[in-house]
Amino acid sequence: MEELYRLNKYLSDAGVCSRRAADAAIEAGEVTVNGEQAVMGMKVTVSDEVRYKGQIVSNVGKKNILLAYNKPAGIVCTAEKREKNNIIEHINYPERIYPIGRLDKDSTGLILLTNQGDLVNKIMKAVNAHEKEYIVTVDKDITTDFITNMSSGVYLEELDVTTRKCIVTKIGPREFRIVLTQGLNRQIRRMCQTFGYRVRTLKRVRIMNIELGNLKEDTYRDVNSKEIKELMKMLEGSKN
């Protein structure tokens, strides 16, 4: 008897989209199974003909892809083709992939790209509190009070939310390292602005156990098997 897969997981595993996007597509009538419109919660086998927006989907023999990319400024972390500087067309990888999360257009550094929807969900979901590390330079000298205030949780009026406590370390007169476990919109820039500082450069150098290292800007590499093994161990128990 063939193994059954939940349809949203099947689409996610095939690298088509995330589970959430799959659910939305199913609800919108954009997914069919054996010529019939799909319904939420249904299960399929690899022998079924699954179509997503008219295109046949298959996850048979699919290779799991996980890339580490050093994003330059100006590239937008979206798969939306209408954005002329979108990361997917810029990288031009030969297989379908999509970014895990975002970096601001003006920010640089590490971003992961994959064809594994479950991986995206587990890394991105805020409740899982996975670490991301950044190096930031600002427009004036950093004080002890600034470091203390940044690390203690900052109320962001525009978002009406207080950031989680985090690790902030001064590494130069106008440069600091910050480790976050959440990813609010323009979070670091907003935090700095609260205390009268303006971000000049912002580079992400680590996502969980995967480090940017000496990867050249605007190049990517395969995340190696040792890193993936450690990453999977860290993700055990994480929620989708």
Protein backbone atom coordinates (compact mmCIF):
# COMPACT_ATOMS: atom_id res chain seq x y z
CA MET A 1 0.00 0.00 0.00
CA GLU A 2 1.36 3.40 -1.00
CA GLU A 3 2.20 5.92 1.69
CA LEU A 4 -0.31 8.72 2.18
CA TYR A 5 0.75 12.35 2.51
CA ARG A 6 -1.30 15.33 3.59
CA LEU A 7 -1.70 17.43 0.47
CA ASN A 8 -0.22 20.60 1.95
CA LYS A 9 2.86 18.65 3.10
CA TYR A 10 3.14 17.00 -0.32
CA LEU A 11 3.21 20.41 -1.99
CA SER A 12 5.65 21.74 0.58
CA ASP A 13 7.98 18.75 0.22
CA ALA A 14 7.89 19.18 -3.56
CA GLY A 15 9.32 22.66 -3.15
CA VAL A 16 6.28 24.38 -4.58
CA CYS A 17 5.43 26.53 -1.57
CA SER A 18 5.12 26.49 2.21
CA ARG A 19 2.33 24.55 3.93
CA ARG A 20 0.54 27.80 4.72
CA ALA A 21 0.70 28.90 1.08
CA ALA A 22 -0.46 25.42 0.04
CA ASP A 23 -3.52 25.71 2.28
CA ALA A 24 -4.33 29.09 0.77
CA ALA A 25 -3.96 27.69 -2.75
CA ILE A 26 -6.21 24.73 -1.93
CA GLU A 27 -8.86 27.05 -0.52
CA ALA A 28 -8.57 29.25 -3.63
CA GLY A 29 -9.21 26.24 -5.90
CA GLU A 30 -5.73 26.36 -7.41
CA VAL A 31 -4.88 22.72 -6.62
CA THR A 32 -6.33 19.61 -8.28
CA VAL A 33 -5.82 15.90 -7.60
CA ASN A 34 -6.50 13.52 -10.48
CA GLY A 35 -8.45 16.24 -12.25
CA GLU A 36 -10.71 17.04 -9.29
CA GLN A 37 -10.49 20.18 -7.20
CA ALA A 38 -8.62 19.48 -3.99
CA VAL A 39 -10.11 20.03 -0.54
CA MET A 40 -8.48 20.95 2.74
CA GLY A 41 -7.01 18.05 4.71
CA MET A 42 -7.07 15.51 1.90
CA LYS A 43 -4.29 12.96 1.49
CA VAL A 44 -2.48 11.85 -1.66
CA THR A 45 0.06 9.29 -2.80
CA VAL A 46 3.00 9.70 -5.18
CA SER A 47 0.88 7.98 -7.86
CA ASP A 48 -1.77 10.71 -7.81
CA GLU A 49 -1.63 13.50 -10.37
CA VAL A 50 -1.33 16.67 -8.31
CA ARG A 51 -1.46 20.03 -10.09
CA TYR A 52 -0.64 23.40 -8.55
CA LYS A 53 -1.92 26.33 -10.60
CA GLY A 54 -2.14 23.99 -13.58
CA GLN A 55 1.40 22.61 -13.29
CA ILE A 56 2.03 18.96 -12.41
CA VAL A 57 3.78 18.58 -9.07
CA SER A 58 6.04 15.68 -8.13
CA ASN A 59 8.22 15.11 -5.11
CA VAL A 60 9.48 11.74 -6.31
CA GLY A 61 13.25 11.70 -6.07
CA LYS A 62 13.37 15.38 -5.10
CA LYS A 63 16.73 16.48 -3.79
CA ASN A 64 16.61 18.55 -0.64
CA ILE A 65 18.31 21.89 -1.22
CA LEU A 66 19.63 24.25 1.44
CA LEU A 67 21.83 27.14 0.34
CA ALA A 68 23.66 29.81 2.33
CA TYR A 69 23.84 33.09 0.40
CA ASN A 70 25.68 36.31 1.20
CA LYS A 71 23.12 38.88 0.11
CA PRO A 72 24.37 42.25 -1.11
CA ALA A 73 22.47 45.48 -0.51
CA GLY A 74 19.75 46.19 -3.07
CA ILE A 75 18.48 42.62 -3.44
CA VAL A 76 14.94 42.01 -2.21
CA CYS A 77 14.19 38.75 -0.35
CA THR A 78 11.11 37.72 -2.27
CA ALA A 79 10.18 35.23 -4.97
CA GLU A 80 7.75 37.78 -6.44
CA LYS A 81 8.70 38.16 -10.10
CA ARG A 82 7.21 41.65 -10.29
CA GLU A 83 10.06 42.82 -8.04
CA LYS A 84 12.91 43.43 -10.49
CA ASN A 85 15.60 42.90 -7.83
CA ASN A 86 14.07 39.73 -6.37
CA ILE A 87 16.51 37.26 -4.88
CA ILE A 88 15.32 34.24 -6.87
CA GLU A 89 15.89 35.70 -10.32
CA HIS A 90 19.12 37.32 -9.14
CA ILE A 91 20.62 34.02 -7.97
CA ASN A 92 19.13 32.14 -10.95
CA TYR A 93 19.45 28.73 -9.29
CA PRO A 94 18.51 25.88 -11.66
CA GLU A 95 15.84 24.43 -9.34
CA ARG A 96 12.86 25.97 -7.55
CA ILE A 97 13.88 27.46 -4.21
CA TYR A 98 12.66 30.26 -1.96
CA PRO A 99 14.21 32.29 0.86
CA ILE A 100 13.81 31.45 4.54
CA GLY A 101 12.66 34.74 5.96
CA ARG A 102 13.90 38.14 4.91
CA LEU A 103 16.72 40.63 5.12
CA ASP A 104 15.90 44.27 4.48
CA LYS A 105 16.78 45.52 1.01
CA ASP A 106 19.50 47.73 2.52
CA SER A 107 20.88 44.97 4.77
CA THR A 108 23.52 42.41 3.81
CA GLY A 109 24.72 39.01 4.89
CA LEU A 110 23.43 35.53 5.46
CA ILE A 111 20.11 34.29 4.15
CA LEU A 112 19.14 30.67 3.62
CA LEU A 113 17.25 29.39 0.59
CA THR A 114 15.59 26.01 0.28
CA ASN A 115 12.97 23.86 -1.41
CA GLN A 116 11.81 22.41 1.93
CA GLY A 117 8.64 24.05 3.20
CA ASP A 118 8.74 22.41 6.64
CA LEU A 119 12.24 23.74 7.19
CA VAL A 120 11.06 27.26 6.41
CA ASN A 121 8.23 26.98 8.93
CA LYS A 122 10.36 25.56 11.74
CA ILE A 123 13.13 28.14 11.41
CA MET A 124 10.80 31.10 10.93
CA LYS A 125 8.10 30.49 13.52
CA ALA A 126 8.66 33.03 16.29
CA VAL A 127 7.61 30.67 19.08
CA ASN A 128 10.63 28.48 18.30
CA ALA A 129 12.98 31.37 19.24
CA HIS A 130 15.92 30.40 17.06
CA GLU A 131 18.98 32.65 17.19
CA LYS A 132 20.06 35.04 14.44
CA GLU A 133 23.23 37.13 14.85
CA TYR A 134 24.04 40.51 13.31
CA ILE A 135 26.92 42.99 13.16
CA VAL A 136 25.68 46.59 13.14
CA THR A 137 27.36 49.97 12.74
CA VAL A 138 25.60 53.16 13.80
CA ASP A 139 26.04 56.89 13.21
CA LYS A 140 27.51 57.89 16.59
CA ASP A 141 29.51 56.50 19.48
CA ILE A 142 27.90 53.69 21.46
CA THR A 143 27.33 54.21 25.17
CA THR A 144 26.99 51.72 28.00
CA ASP A 145 23.37 52.83 28.45
CA PHE A 146 22.65 52.09 24.79
CA ILE A 147 23.94 48.51 25.15
CA THR A 148 21.97 47.99 28.37
CA ASN A 149 18.76 49.42 26.94
CA MET A 150 18.99 47.48 23.67
CA SER A 151 19.48 44.18 25.47
CA SER A 152 16.70 44.69 28.02
CA GLY A 153 13.74 44.73 25.65
CA VAL A 154 12.67 47.77 23.65
CA TYR A 155 9.14 49.06 23.20
CA LEU A 156 8.58 49.77 19.49
CA GLU A 157 5.77 52.28 19.25
CA GLU A 158 5.14 51.75 15.51
CA LEU A 159 4.57 48.03 16.06
CA ASP A 160 3.11 48.34 19.58
CA VAL A 161 5.33 45.54 20.83
CA THR A 162 8.24 45.12 23.23
CA THR A 163 11.16 43.14 21.86
CA ARG A 164 12.48 40.10 23.65
CA LYS A 165 15.58 40.46 25.78
CA CYS A 166 18.67 39.78 23.68
CA ILE A 167 22.46 39.67 23.74
CA VAL A 168 24.15 42.92 22.68
CA THR A 169 27.94 43.36 22.74
CA LYS A 170 29.96 46.44 21.84
CA ILE A 171 32.80 45.53 19.46
CA GLY A 172 33.90 49.00 18.33
CA PRO A 173 33.22 52.69 19.02
CA ARG A 174 30.22 52.59 16.68
CA GLU A 175 29.83 48.86 16.09
CA PHE A 176 27.98 46.17 18.04
CA ARG A 177 26.95 42.53 17.80
CA ILE A 178 23.33 41.55 18.51
CA VAL A 179 21.72 38.10 18.80
CA LEU A 180 17.94 38.04 18.31
CA THR A 181 15.39 35.27 18.76
CA GLN A 182 12.62 37.04 16.85
CA GLY A 183 12.30 38.79 13.52
CA LEU A 184 10.06 41.81 13.69
CA ASN A 185 9.86 44.14 10.70
CA ARG A 186 13.06 46.24 10.56
CA GLN A 187 13.56 45.32 14.21
CA ILE A 188 17.18 46.36 14.76
CA ARG A 189 16.74 49.63 12.87
CA ARG A 190 13.63 50.44 14.91
CA MET A 191 15.37 49.51 18.18
CA CYS A 192 18.31 51.79 17.43
CA GLN A 193 16.04 54.62 16.35
CA THR A 194 14.24 54.45 19.71
CA PHE A 195 17.48 55.56 21.40
CA GLY A 196 18.42 58.19 18.81
CA TYR A 197 20.80 56.08 16.72
CA ARG A 198 20.67 55.49 12.99
CA VAL A 199 21.91 52.24 11.45
CA ARG A 200 24.64 52.71 8.85
CA THR A 201 25.35 49.07 8.02
CA LEU A 202 23.65 45.85 9.11
CA LYS A 203 25.00 42.42 8.28
CA ARG A 204 23.59 39.06 9.38
CA VAL A 205 26.43 36.67 10.15
CA ARG A 206 24.65 33.63 11.64
CA ILE A 207 21.34 31.78 11.57
CA MET A 208 21.25 29.19 14.35
CA ASN A 209 24.38 27.07 13.73
CA ILE A 210 24.98 28.21 10.14
CA GLU A 211 27.56 30.98 9.86
CA LEU A 212 28.34 33.40 7.05
CA GLY A 213 32.06 32.92 7.59
CA ASN A 214 34.22 34.08 4.68
CA LEU A 215 31.56 33.50 2.01
CA LYS A 216 32.04 36.26 -0.57
CA GLU A 217 29.25 38.75 -1.11
CA ASP A 218 26.74 37.78 -3.80
CA THR A 219 27.81 34.13 -3.78
CA TYR A 220 26.18 31.04 -2.30
CA ARG A 221 27.23 27.61 -1.09
CA ASP A 222 25.53 24.36 -0.20
CA VAL A 223 25.03 23.97 3.53
CA ASN A 224 27.18 20.94 4.31
CA SER A 225 26.03 17.65 5.81
CA LYS A 226 27.58 18.35 9.21
CA GLU A 227 25.75 21.68 9.45
CA ILE A 228 22.48 20.09 8.33
CA LYS A 229 22.80 17.31 10.91
CA GLU A 230 23.34 19.86 13.69
CA LEU A 231 20.54 22.06 12.35
CA MET A 232 18.07 19.16 12.34
CA LYS A 233 19.02 18.33 15.92
CA MET A 234 18.39 21.95 16.94
CA LEU A 235 15.03 21.89 15.18
CA GLU A 236 13.79 18.78 17.01
CA GLY A 237 10.61 19.71 18.79
CA SER A 238 10.17 22.94 16.80
CA LYS A 239 6.63 23.70 15.68
CA ASN A 240 5.55 24.05 12.05
